[in-house]
N, C-alpha and C. Protein backbone atom coordinates (compact mmCIF):
# COMPACT_ATOMS: atom_id res chain seq x y z
N MET A 1 0.76 -0.70 -0.20
CA MET A 1 0.07 0.02 -0.14
C MET A 1 0.87 1.40 -0.05
N PHE A 2 0.46 2.30 -0.63
CA PHE A 2 0.91 3.68 -0.74
C PHE A 2 0.93 4.19 0.68
N LYS A 3 1.67 4.58 1.31
CA LYS A 3 1.97 5.43 2.37
C LYS A 3 2.26 6.60 2.28
N GLN A 4 1.90 7.90 2.64
CA GLN A 4 2.19 9.07 2.16
C GLN A 4 3.15 9.52 3.15
N PRO A 5 4.35 9.90 2.67
CA PRO A 5 5.67 9.74 3.09
C PRO A 5 6.00 11.09 3.78
N ALA A 6 6.27 11.32 4.97
CA ALA A 6 6.75 12.64 5.60
C ALA A 6 8.00 13.26 4.71
N ALA A 7 8.31 14.41 4.82
CA ALA A 7 8.75 15.60 4.16
C ALA A 7 10.54 14.70 4.32
N GLY A 8 10.47 14.47 5.76
CA GLY A 8 12.25 13.84 5.60
C GLY A 8 12.25 12.31 4.62
N ASP A 9 10.95 11.62 4.86
CA ASP A 9 11.41 10.47 3.88
C ASP A 9 11.64 10.51 2.73
N PHE A 10 11.40 12.01 2.13
CA PHE A 10 11.59 11.91 0.43
C PHE A 10 12.99 12.10 0.08
N HIS A 11 13.82 12.62 1.58
CA HIS A 11 15.41 12.67 1.03
C HIS A 11 15.99 11.14 1.32
N ARG A 12 15.35 10.17 2.04
CA ARG A 12 15.99 9.11 2.85
C ARG A 12 15.35 8.48 1.41
N TRP A 13 14.61 8.11 0.66
CA TRP A 13 14.10 7.40 -0.82
C TRP A 13 14.72 7.92 -1.82
N GLY A 14 15.13 9.34 -2.41
CA GLY A 14 15.37 9.96 -3.02
C GLY A 14 14.36 10.18 -3.73
N LEU A 15 13.32 10.54 -2.96
CA LEU A 15 11.62 11.14 -3.89
C LEU A 15 11.85 13.09 -3.29
N GLU A 16 13.24 13.58 -3.79
CA GLU A 16 12.73 15.01 -3.66
C GLU A 16 12.33 15.19 -5.17
N ALA A 17 11.38 16.51 -5.03
CA ALA A 17 10.80 17.15 -6.07
C ALA A 17 12.53 17.39 -7.13
N GLU A 18 12.15 16.60 -8.45
CA GLU A 18 12.97 17.35 -9.52
C GLU A 18 12.45 18.17 -10.28
N MET A 19 12.95 19.00 -10.48
CA MET A 19 12.33 20.22 -11.80
C MET A 19 13.57 19.91 -13.23
N THR A 20 12.70 19.22 -14.15
CA THR A 20 13.41 19.11 -15.40
C THR A 20 13.34 20.14 -16.56
N ARG A 21 13.50 20.13 -17.31
CA ARG A 21 13.00 21.40 -18.53
C ARG A 21 11.91 21.16 -18.48
N SER A 22 11.08 20.64 -18.51
CA SER A 22 9.92 21.24 -19.02
C SER A 22 8.52 20.32 -17.41
N TYR A 23 9.30 19.65 -16.97
CA TYR A 23 8.49 18.92 -15.42
C TYR A 23 8.46 19.15 -14.04
N LEU A 24 8.04 19.16 -13.43
CA LEU A 24 8.35 18.69 -12.16
C LEU A 24 7.83 17.32 -11.72
N ILE A 25 8.89 16.64 -11.28
CA ILE A 25 8.80 15.24 -10.84
C ILE A 25 8.69 15.22 -9.12
N GLU A 26 7.72 14.94 -8.84
CA GLU A 26 7.54 15.12 -7.32
C GLU A 26 6.92 13.88 -6.70
N PRO A 27 6.91 13.38 -5.78
CA PRO A 27 5.82 12.45 -5.01
C PRO A 27 5.01 13.35 -4.83
N MET A 28 3.54 12.01 -4.96
CA MET A 28 2.38 12.48 -5.75
C MET A 28 2.23 12.92 -3.95
N GLY A 29 0.68 14.20 -3.56
CA GLY A 29 0.84 14.63 -2.67
C GLY A 29 -0.71 14.75 -2.57
N PRO A 30 -1.42 15.42 -1.45
CA PRO A 30 -2.91 15.50 -1.42
C PRO A 30 -3.18 16.47 -2.32
N GLU A 31 -2.46 17.29 -2.72
CA GLU A 31 -3.19 18.24 -3.98
C GLU A 31 -2.70 17.50 -5.35
N THR A 32 -2.35 16.50 -5.22
CA THR A 32 -2.48 16.00 -6.41
C THR A 32 -2.72 14.42 -7.11
N ALA A 33 -3.70 14.09 -5.81
CA ALA A 33 -3.93 12.89 -5.80
C ALA A 33 -5.47 12.46 -6.53
N ASP A 34 -6.53 13.55 -6.62
CA ASP A 34 -6.99 13.43 -7.52
C ASP A 34 -7.22 13.58 -9.02
N ALA A 35 -6.18 14.63 -9.04
CA ALA A 35 -5.55 14.50 -11.09
C ALA A 35 -5.01 13.39 -11.68
N ALA A 36 -3.90 12.15 -10.08
CA ALA A 36 -3.84 11.28 -10.71
C ALA A 36 -4.36 10.11 -10.38
N TYR A 37 -5.83 10.29 -9.93
CA TYR A 37 -6.44 9.25 -9.98
C TYR A 37 -7.04 9.34 -11.20
N LEU A 38 -7.14 10.33 -11.88
CA LEU A 38 -8.03 10.51 -13.17
C LEU A 38 -6.92 9.55 -14.64
N LEU A 39 -5.63 9.90 -14.16
CA LEU A 39 -4.97 8.93 -14.87
C LEU A 39 -4.95 7.57 -14.31
N ALA A 40 -4.66 7.41 -13.61
CA ALA A 40 -4.78 5.86 -13.29
C ALA A 40 -6.09 5.01 -13.28
N GLN A 41 -6.99 5.64 -13.57
CA GLN A 41 -8.37 5.28 -13.92
C GLN A 41 -8.72 5.29 -15.40
N ALA A 42 -7.55 6.22 -16.19
CA ALA A 42 -7.72 6.31 -17.72
C ALA A 42 -7.09 4.53 -18.07
N ALA A 43 -6.06 4.01 -17.52
CA ALA A 43 -5.35 3.06 -17.89
C ALA A 43 -5.94 1.81 -17.49
N MET A 44 -6.64 2.22 -16.26
CA MET A 44 -7.50 1.11 -15.53
C MET A 44 -8.95 1.28 -15.08
N PRO A 45 -9.72 0.87 -16.14
CA PRO A 45 -11.23 1.57 -15.87
C PRO A 45 -11.97 1.14 -14.48
N ALA A 46 -11.12 -0.27 -14.33
CA ALA A 46 -12.13 -0.83 -12.96
C ALA A 46 -11.99 0.01 -11.85
N LEU A 47 -10.92 0.89 -11.71
CA LEU A 47 -10.16 1.10 -10.57
C LEU A 47 -11.46 2.19 -10.43
N SER A 48 -11.84 1.77 -8.80
CA SER A 48 -12.87 2.86 -8.53
C SER A 48 -12.25 3.88 -7.30
N LYS A 49 -12.96 5.18 -7.22
CA LYS A 49 -12.28 6.26 -6.61
C LYS A 49 -12.08 6.04 -5.28
N GLU A 50 -13.08 4.61 -4.80
CA GLU A 50 -12.94 4.33 -3.31
C GLU A 50 -11.51 3.50 -3.24
N GLU A 51 -11.02 2.65 -4.37
CA GLU A 51 -9.84 2.17 -4.23
C GLU A 51 -8.49 3.28 -4.27
N TRP A 52 -9.06 4.24 -4.98
CA TRP A 52 -7.98 4.90 -4.85
C TRP A 52 -7.52 5.90 -3.38
N ARG A 53 -9.02 6.21 -3.07
CA ARG A 53 -8.47 6.60 -1.97
C ARG A 53 -8.23 6.31 -1.00
N GLN A 54 -8.58 4.64 -0.73
CA GLN A 54 -7.83 4.01 0.30
C GLN A 54 -6.38 3.84 0.04
N PHE A 55 -5.67 3.27 -1.04
CA PHE A 55 -4.57 3.49 -1.84
C PHE A 55 -3.48 5.25 -1.38
N THR A 56 -4.17 5.88 -1.72
CA THR A 56 -3.46 7.25 -0.79
C THR A 56 -3.82 7.64 0.26
N ASP A 57 -4.61 7.07 1.17
CA ASP A 57 -5.02 7.42 2.77
C ASP A 57 -3.60 7.31 3.30
N PRO A 58 -2.47 8.02 3.92
CA PRO A 58 -2.03 8.24 4.52
C PRO A 58 -1.70 7.68 6.12
N ARG A 59 -3.24 7.23 6.17
CA ARG A 59 -3.31 6.05 7.61
C ARG A 59 -3.28 4.43 7.33
N ASN A 60 -3.51 4.38 5.96
CA ASN A 60 -3.42 3.08 5.46
C ASN A 60 -2.29 2.94 5.01
N ALA A 61 -1.24 2.47 6.03
CA ALA A 61 0.00 2.25 6.11
C ALA A 61 0.13 0.77 6.04
N GLU A 62 -0.61 -0.25 6.27
CA GLU A 62 -0.80 -1.38 6.15
C GLU A 62 -1.46 -2.15 4.78
N GLY A 63 -0.66 -2.88 4.45
CA GLY A 63 -1.35 -3.51 3.11
C GLY A 63 -0.67 -4.86 2.63
N PRO A 64 -0.77 -5.39 1.77
CA PRO A 64 0.04 -7.19 1.57
C PRO A 64 1.46 -6.61 1.48
N LEU A 65 1.99 -5.54 0.59
CA LEU A 65 3.35 -5.32 0.28
C LEU A 65 3.96 -5.11 1.94
N ALA A 66 3.42 -4.68 2.31
CA ALA A 66 3.91 -4.22 4.14
C ALA A 66 4.91 -5.36 4.81
N ALA A 67 3.91 -6.59 4.87
CA ALA A 67 4.51 -8.08 5.24
C ALA A 67 5.65 -7.95 4.63
N LEU A 68 6.05 -7.87 3.46
CA LEU A 68 6.87 -8.32 2.71
C LEU A 68 8.46 -7.31 2.63
N GLY A 69 7.98 -6.34 3.53
CA GLY A 69 8.89 -5.22 3.72
C GLY A 69 9.16 -3.87 2.65
N GLU A 70 7.63 -4.21 1.53
CA GLU A 70 7.91 -3.80 0.60
C GLU A 70 7.29 -1.99 0.65
N ARG A 71 7.47 -0.78 -0.03
CA ARG A 71 6.68 0.00 -0.20
C ARG A 71 6.75 0.61 -1.53
N GLU A 72 5.54 1.09 -1.83
CA GLU A 72 5.47 1.71 -3.03
C GLU A 72 5.61 2.78 -2.98
N ALA A 73 6.25 3.82 -3.96
CA ALA A 73 6.27 5.05 -4.11
C ALA A 73 5.51 5.81 -5.34
N VAL A 74 5.04 6.64 -4.95
CA VAL A 74 4.07 7.10 -6.01
C VAL A 74 4.36 8.76 -6.83
N VAL A 75 4.81 8.76 -7.97
CA VAL A 75 5.53 9.72 -8.11
C VAL A 75 4.78 10.55 -9.66
N VAL A 76 4.40 12.06 -9.35
CA VAL A 76 3.52 12.66 -10.30
C VAL A 76 4.68 13.59 -11.53
N ALA A 77 4.23 13.93 -12.31
CA ALA A 77 4.93 14.59 -13.79
C ALA A 77 3.95 16.34 -13.78
N ARG A 78 4.08 17.20 -13.30
CA ARG A 78 3.44 18.41 -13.44
C ARG A 78 4.05 19.19 -14.26
N ASN A 79 3.43 19.92 -15.19
CA ASN A 79 3.65 20.71 -16.33
C ASN A 79 3.95 22.08 -15.36
N ALA A 80 4.52 23.51 -15.99
CA ALA A 80 4.72 24.10 -15.39
C ALA A 80 3.48 25.27 -14.89
N LYS A 81 2.28 24.60 -15.25
CA LYS A 81 0.84 25.51 -14.98
C LYS A 81 0.43 24.37 -13.72
N GLY A 82 1.31 23.41 -13.85
CA GLY A 82 0.92 22.77 -12.27
C GLY A 82 0.19 21.39 -12.55
N TYR A 83 -0.19 21.30 -13.72
CA TYR A 83 -1.08 19.83 -14.08
C TYR A 83 -0.12 19.11 -14.19
N VAL A 84 -0.94 17.40 -14.16
CA VAL A 84 -0.71 16.04 -13.82
C VAL A 84 -0.44 15.82 -15.35
N LYS A 85 0.18 15.35 -15.97
CA LYS A 85 0.59 15.05 -16.64
C LYS A 85 0.91 13.68 -17.34
N GLY A 86 1.46 13.21 -16.04
CA GLY A 86 2.10 11.67 -15.94
C GLY A 86 2.14 11.05 -14.36
N LEU A 87 2.00 9.65 -14.08
CA LEU A 87 2.03 9.13 -12.88
C LEU A 87 2.80 7.87 -13.42
N CYS A 88 3.88 8.04 -12.05
CA CYS A 88 4.41 6.13 -12.08
C CYS A 88 4.49 5.51 -10.68
N ILE A 89 3.58 4.42 -10.51
CA ILE A 89 3.99 3.80 -9.25
C ILE A 89 4.95 2.79 -9.27
N TYR A 90 6.45 3.04 -8.43
CA TYR A 90 7.33 1.51 -8.51
C TYR A 90 7.61 1.46 -7.20
N ALA A 91 8.41 0.10 -7.22
CA ALA A 91 8.92 -0.03 -5.81
C ALA A 91 10.18 -0.77 -5.44
N LEU A 92 11.15 -0.52 -4.84
CA LEU A 92 12.36 -1.50 -4.95
C LEU A 92 11.93 -2.65 -4.58
N ARG A 93 12.25 -3.69 -5.39
CA ARG A 93 11.98 -5.26 -5.27
C ARG A 93 13.38 -6.16 -5.43
N ASP A 94 13.35 -7.13 -4.55
CA ASP A 94 14.57 -8.07 -4.97
C ASP A 94 14.04 -9.24 -5.71
N HIS A 95 14.11 -9.59 -7.20
CA HIS A 95 13.32 -10.37 -7.89
C HIS A 95 14.50 -11.40 -8.25
N SER A 96 13.94 -12.89 -8.48
CA SER A 96 14.87 -14.09 -8.35
C SER A 96 15.41 -13.97 -10.02
N THR A 97 14.85 -13.51 -10.84
CA THR A 97 15.07 -13.72 -12.29
C THR A 97 16.33 -12.36 -12.45
N TYR A 98 15.65 -10.93 -12.07
CA TYR A 98 16.15 -9.64 -12.04
C TYR A 98 17.17 -9.41 -11.24
N GLY A 99 17.15 -9.73 -10.07
CA GLY A 99 17.88 -9.56 -8.97
C GLY A 99 17.28 -8.13 -8.66
N ARG A 100 17.78 -6.78 -7.90
CA ARG A 100 17.41 -5.84 -7.32
C ARG A 100 16.79 -4.92 -8.85
N LEU A 101 15.54 -4.71 -8.48
CA LEU A 101 15.10 -3.46 -9.65
C LEU A 101 14.18 -2.88 -9.22
N ILE A 102 13.74 -1.97 -10.09
CA ILE A 102 12.83 -1.10 -9.78
C ILE A 102 11.46 -1.29 -10.28
N ASP A 103 10.19 -1.58 -9.80
CA ASP A 103 9.45 -2.64 -10.31
C ASP A 103 8.37 -1.59 -10.88
N VAL A 104 7.73 -1.08 -11.68
CA VAL A 104 6.70 -0.10 -12.33
C VAL A 104 5.38 -0.81 -12.49
N PRO A 105 4.93 -0.77 -11.70
CA PRO A 105 3.41 -1.72 -11.98
C PRO A 105 2.11 -0.39 -12.64
N LEU A 106 2.72 0.91 -12.88
CA LEU A 106 1.72 1.85 -13.34
C LEU A 106 2.65 2.69 -13.87
N PHE A 107 2.41 3.35 -15.12
CA PHE A 107 3.20 4.26 -15.78
C PHE A 107 2.21 4.42 -16.75
N VAL A 108 1.89 5.95 -16.63
CA VAL A 108 0.83 6.65 -17.23
C VAL A 108 1.00 7.67 -17.72
N VAL A 109 1.02 8.27 -18.72
CA VAL A 109 1.23 9.36 -19.62
C VAL A 109 0.22 10.34 -20.24
N SER A 110 -0.06 11.04 -19.98
CA SER A 110 -1.37 12.07 -21.03
C SER A 110 -1.08 13.79 -21.16
N SER A 111 -0.45 13.56 -22.21
CA SER A 111 -0.38 14.71 -23.00
C SER A 111 -0.32 14.64 -24.22
N ALA A 112 -1.39 15.51 -24.80
CA ALA A 112 -1.51 16.13 -26.09
C ALA A 112 -0.41 16.68 -27.01
N ALA A 113 0.00 17.34 -26.42
CA ALA A 113 1.25 18.29 -27.06
C ALA A 113 2.76 17.46 -26.51
N ASP A 114 3.08 17.01 -25.99
CA ASP A 114 4.11 16.15 -25.24
C ASP A 114 4.32 14.95 -24.49
N GLY A 115 3.56 14.15 -25.03
CA GLY A 115 3.68 12.63 -24.61
C GLY A 115 4.82 12.26 -24.60
N GLU A 116 5.71 12.34 -24.99
CA GLU A 116 6.59 11.84 -25.26
C GLU A 116 7.84 12.43 -24.30
N GLY A 117 7.77 13.69 -24.15
CA GLY A 117 8.61 14.71 -23.45
C GLY A 117 8.31 13.82 -21.89
N VAL A 118 6.87 13.89 -21.51
CA VAL A 118 6.79 13.76 -19.88
C VAL A 118 7.26 12.20 -19.89
N ALA A 119 7.17 11.27 -20.83
CA ALA A 119 7.34 9.66 -20.46
C ALA A 119 9.08 9.87 -20.42
N GLU A 120 9.56 10.54 -21.26
CA GLU A 120 10.89 10.43 -20.72
C GLU A 120 11.39 11.13 -19.30
N GLU A 121 10.78 12.51 -18.93
CA GLU A 121 11.50 12.50 -17.48
C GLU A 121 10.98 11.78 -16.88
N LEU A 122 9.84 11.13 -16.80
CA LEU A 122 9.88 9.68 -15.90
C LEU A 122 10.42 9.25 -15.70
N ILE A 123 10.79 8.42 -17.16
CA ILE A 123 11.96 7.35 -17.05
C ILE A 123 13.34 7.94 -16.66
N ASN A 124 13.19 9.15 -17.04
CA ASN A 124 14.71 9.55 -16.36
C ASN A 124 15.02 9.68 -14.92
N PHE A 125 13.85 10.20 -14.37
CA PHE A 125 13.47 9.62 -13.11
C PHE A 125 13.77 8.33 -12.56
N LEU A 126 13.00 7.46 -13.13
CA LEU A 126 13.16 6.05 -12.60
C LEU A 126 14.46 5.45 -12.96
N ARG A 127 15.41 5.69 -13.68
CA ARG A 127 16.86 5.83 -13.76
C ARG A 127 17.33 6.10 -13.22
N GLY A 128 17.56 7.46 -12.89
CA GLY A 128 18.01 7.87 -11.03
C GLY A 128 18.34 6.83 -10.44
N GLN A 129 16.91 6.75 -9.85
CA GLN A 129 16.49 6.03 -8.94
C GLN A 129 16.96 4.30 -8.82
N CYS A 130 17.27 3.65 -10.41
CA CYS A 130 17.97 2.54 -10.40
C CYS A 130 19.43 3.01 -10.02
N ASP A 131 19.95 3.80 -10.63
CA ASP A 131 20.92 3.86 -9.98
C ASP A 131 21.67 4.25 -8.89
N ARG A 132 20.85 5.04 -8.02
CA ARG A 132 20.92 4.97 -6.42
C ARG A 132 21.06 4.26 -5.78
N ARG A 133 20.18 3.38 -6.36
CA ARG A 133 19.65 1.96 -5.56
C ARG A 133 20.84 0.45 -5.97
N ILE A 134 21.61 1.28 -6.85
CA ILE A 134 22.37 -0.13 -7.98
C ILE A 134 21.12 -1.35 -7.95
N CYS A 135 21.12 -0.94 -9.08
CA CYS A 135 19.58 -2.13 -9.49
C CYS A 135 19.82 -3.03 -10.62
N SER A 136 19.42 -3.82 -10.95
CA SER A 136 20.12 -4.10 -12.89
C SER A 136 19.34 -3.52 -13.56
N GLY A 137 17.85 -2.93 -13.45
CA GLY A 137 17.42 -2.24 -14.26
C GLY A 137 15.84 -2.13 -14.00
N ILE A 138 14.69 -1.91 -14.67
CA ILE A 138 13.43 -1.12 -14.68
C ILE A 138 12.77 -2.65 -14.86
N ARG A 139 11.69 -2.81 -14.77
CA ARG A 139 10.69 -3.61 -15.10
C ARG A 139 9.20 -2.76 -15.01
N PHE A 140 8.78 -2.41 -16.51
CA PHE A 140 7.50 -2.02 -16.84
C PHE A 140 6.59 -2.77 -17.10
N TRP A 141 5.39 -3.12 -16.16
CA TRP A 141 4.39 -4.23 -16.10
C TRP A 141 3.45 -3.71 -17.24
N SER A 142 2.96 -4.65 -17.88
CA SER A 142 1.48 -4.56 -18.63
C SER A 142 0.35 -4.46 -18.07
N ILE A 143 -0.18 -3.50 -18.77
CA ILE A 143 -1.05 -2.67 -17.93
C ILE A 143 -2.65 -3.63 -18.49
N ASP A 144 -3.22 -4.49 -17.84
CA ASP A 144 -4.20 -5.28 -18.12
C ASP A 144 -5.36 -4.98 -16.37
N GLN A 145 -6.89 -5.70 -16.82
CA GLN A 145 -7.68 -5.35 -15.96
C GLN A 145 -7.01 -5.51 -14.45
N GLU A 146 -6.34 -6.65 -14.25
CA GLU A 146 -6.13 -6.50 -13.07
C GLU A 146 -5.21 -6.56 -12.25
N ALA A 147 -4.56 -5.77 -13.19
CA ALA A 147 -3.08 -5.15 -12.93
C ALA A 147 -2.81 -4.58 -11.56
N TRP A 148 -4.18 -3.51 -11.17
CA TRP A 148 -4.18 -2.73 -9.71
C TRP A 148 -4.10 -3.99 -8.66
N THR A 149 -4.79 -5.26 -8.76
CA THR A 149 -5.04 -5.96 -7.71
C THR A 149 -3.54 -6.78 -7.67
N ARG A 150 -3.27 -7.09 -9.00
CA ARG A 150 -1.64 -8.18 -8.84
C ARG A 150 -0.45 -7.36 -7.95
N ARG A 151 -0.30 -6.00 -8.76
CA ARG A 151 0.85 -5.31 -8.04
C ARG A 151 0.93 -5.57 -6.84
N SER A 152 -0.05 -6.16 -5.97
CA SER A 152 0.65 -6.27 -4.54
C SER A 152 0.48 -7.96 -4.53
N ALA A 153 0.42 -8.77 -5.34
CA ALA A 153 -0.13 -9.84 -5.39
C ALA A 153 1.25 -10.76 -5.09
N PRO A 154 2.28 -11.38 -4.26
CA PRO A 154 3.47 -11.75 -4.23
C PRO A 154 3.94 -12.98 -5.29
N ASP A 155 2.88 -13.71 -5.63
CA ASP A 155 3.13 -14.79 -6.64
C ASP A 155 3.19 -13.65 -8.16
N HIS A 156 2.09 -12.86 -8.21
CA HIS A 156 2.52 -12.01 -9.45
C HIS A 156 3.81 -11.24 -9.58
N ILE A 157 4.44 -10.84 -8.83
CA ILE A 157 5.67 -9.94 -8.82
C ILE A 157 6.69 -11.02 -8.54
N ALA A 158 6.63 -12.02 -8.51
CA ALA A 158 7.93 -12.83 -8.43
C ALA A 158 7.92 -13.82 -10.17
N ARG A 159 6.95 -13.24 -10.90
CA ARG A 159 6.79 -13.65 -12.44
C ARG A 159 8.04 -13.14 -12.98
N SER A 160 8.11 -13.22 -14.04
CA SER A 160 9.09 -12.97 -15.02
C SER A 160 8.51 -12.81 -16.43
N ASP A 161 7.48 -13.35 -16.69
CA ASP A 161 6.66 -13.45 -18.20
C ASP A 161 5.67 -12.06 -18.12
N HIS A 162 6.17 -10.97 -17.82
CA HIS A 162 5.21 -9.59 -18.26
C HIS A 162 5.88 -8.50 -18.10
N GLY A 163 5.13 -7.91 -18.91
CA GLY A 163 5.49 -6.40 -18.79
C GLY A 163 7.26 -6.41 -19.82
N LEU A 164 7.85 -5.36 -19.11
CA LEU A 164 9.06 -5.15 -20.02
C LEU A 164 10.27 -5.00 -19.20
N PHE A 165 11.14 -5.49 -19.31
CA PHE A 165 12.63 -5.42 -18.59
C PHE A 165 13.61 -4.11 -19.48
N LEU A 166 13.72 -3.28 -18.92
CA LEU A 166 14.80 -2.70 -19.48
C LEU A 166 16.14 -2.61 -18.88
N PRO A 167 17.21 -3.86 -19.01
CA PRO A 167 18.24 -3.40 -18.28
C PRO A 167 19.40 -2.40 -18.22
N ALA A 168 19.78 -1.89 -16.87
CA ALA A 168 20.50 -0.28 -16.73
C ALA A 168 22.16 -0.58 -17.11
N LEU A 169 21.88 -1.06 -18.39
CA LEU A 169 23.84 -1.34 -18.80
C LEU A 169 23.90 -0.43 -19.78
N GLU A 170 24.34 0.81 -19.21
CA GLU A 170 25.15 1.58 -19.90
C GLU A 170 26.53 1.37 -20.47
N SER A 171 27.29 1.03 -19.32
CA SER A 171 28.71 0.96 -20.09
C SER A 171 29.51 -0.67 -19.26
N ALA A 172 30.50 -0.68 -19.30
CA ALA A 172 30.91 -1.01 -17.98
C ALA A 172 31.21 -1.78 -16.56
N ALA A 173 30.96 -0.03 -16.41
CA ALA A 173 30.87 0.23 -15.02
C ALA A 173 29.15 -0.28 -14.87
N GLY A 174 28.44 0.28 -15.63
CA GLY A 174 27.39 -0.31 -15.57
C GLY A 174 26.52 -1.79 -15.45
N ILE A 175 27.59 -2.73 -16.25
CA ILE A 175 27.11 -3.92 -16.61
C ILE A 175 27.99 -4.56 -14.95
N ILE A 176 28.85 -4.03 -14.13
CA ILE A 176 29.28 -4.70 -12.91
C ILE A 176 28.23 -4.61 -11.65
N LYS A 177 28.04 -3.15 -12.46
CA LYS A 177 26.64 -2.65 -10.97
C LYS A 177 25.81 -3.37 -11.08
N ALA A 178 24.90 -3.84 -12.48
CA ALA A 178 24.28 -4.91 -12.33
C ALA A 178 24.56 -6.12 -11.83
N LEU A 179 25.32 -6.81 -12.42
CA LEU A 179 25.73 -8.14 -11.63
C LEU A 179 26.22 -7.70 -10.47
N ARG A 180 26.44 -6.58 -9.42
CA ARG A 180 26.27 -6.66 -8.06
C ARG A 180 25.03 -6.46 -7.76
N ALA A 181 24.11 -6.04 -8.09
CA ALA A 181 22.93 -6.55 -8.14
C ALA A 181 22.66 -7.72 -7.59
N HIS A 182 22.82 -8.59 -8.36
CA HIS A 182 22.27 -9.91 -8.46
C HIS A 182 23.42 -10.69 -7.60
N GLY A 183 24.56 -9.95 -6.45
CA GLY A 183 25.31 -10.57 -5.58
C GLY A 183 26.26 -11.11 -6.13
N VAL A 184 27.03 -10.70 -7.69
CA VAL A 184 28.30 -10.86 -8.14
C VAL A 184 29.07 -9.88 -7.33
N THR A 185 30.28 -10.25 -7.13
CA THR A 185 31.84 -9.47 -6.97
C THR A 185 32.14 -8.62 -8.24
N ALA A 186 33.34 -7.77 -7.86
CA ALA A 186 34.18 -7.56 -9.42
C ALA A 186 34.70 -8.32 -10.02
N PRO A 187 35.26 -9.02 -9.16
CA PRO A 187 36.29 -10.39 -9.59
C PRO A 187 35.51 -10.85 -10.52
N GLN A 188 34.33 -11.68 -9.68
CA GLN A 188 33.60 -12.51 -10.57
C GLN A 188 32.99 -11.99 -11.53
N ALA A 189 32.75 -11.09 -12.01
CA ALA A 189 32.37 -10.15 -13.11
C ALA A 189 32.93 -9.95 -13.85
N ILE A 190 34.11 -9.88 -13.98
CA ILE A 190 35.63 -9.79 -14.89
C ILE A 190 35.88 -11.34 -15.13
N ASP A 191 35.61 -12.11 -14.64
CA ASP A 191 35.65 -13.44 -15.02
C ASP A 191 34.60 -13.94 -15.57
N ARG A 192 33.07 -13.63 -15.27
CA ARG A 192 32.29 -14.11 -16.45
C ARG A 192 32.40 -13.25 -17.66
N LEU A 193 32.77 -11.78 -17.56
CA LEU A 193 32.61 -11.29 -18.75
C LEU A 193 34.10 -11.69 -19.58
N SER A 194 34.76 -11.86 -19.20
CA SER A 194 36.17 -13.03 -20.09
C SER A 194 36.02 -13.89 -20.48
N ARG A 195 34.96 -14.58 -20.02
CA ARG A 195 34.52 -16.67 -20.83
C ARG A 195 33.92 -16.31 -22.51
């Protein structure tokens, strides 16, 4: 479940607001929750306003993922006028196939003028989170009618046959970082890469 973070949590989780060239990427707050719901509901029509309110209620700290020690974070992309143009729910997870990853069960962009720009800014934010947490990559889930409930189902989270996994491999240093996320040390990485 989403837990409305306190101001200090933003820095601990790397969730401080980032102003990009065109969009402010920031944690969803009370002032953006209703606009974010419209984006979430456009992607998942079965999502009710009541389910969204329960998810965003700061008093609702317990949920299926709390027992796993996982916490979802929600960020929005706002344009210069303050309108919400993108929404992303993600969690840091250890996956049996991918190792440590940024798992994104919901990624929605809504902009007639600059959808690609909004998506690029949100993806850059996620890549920054991936780098800070030494992850092997980012998995974007396929969105279907069951995505909302499945995002908190441990057996669905553990699967590797849905969505798109983008490895965070930009350089040799990036490759070693990804291998470390799988628990492989630098000497083991060099040995594996030289075969």
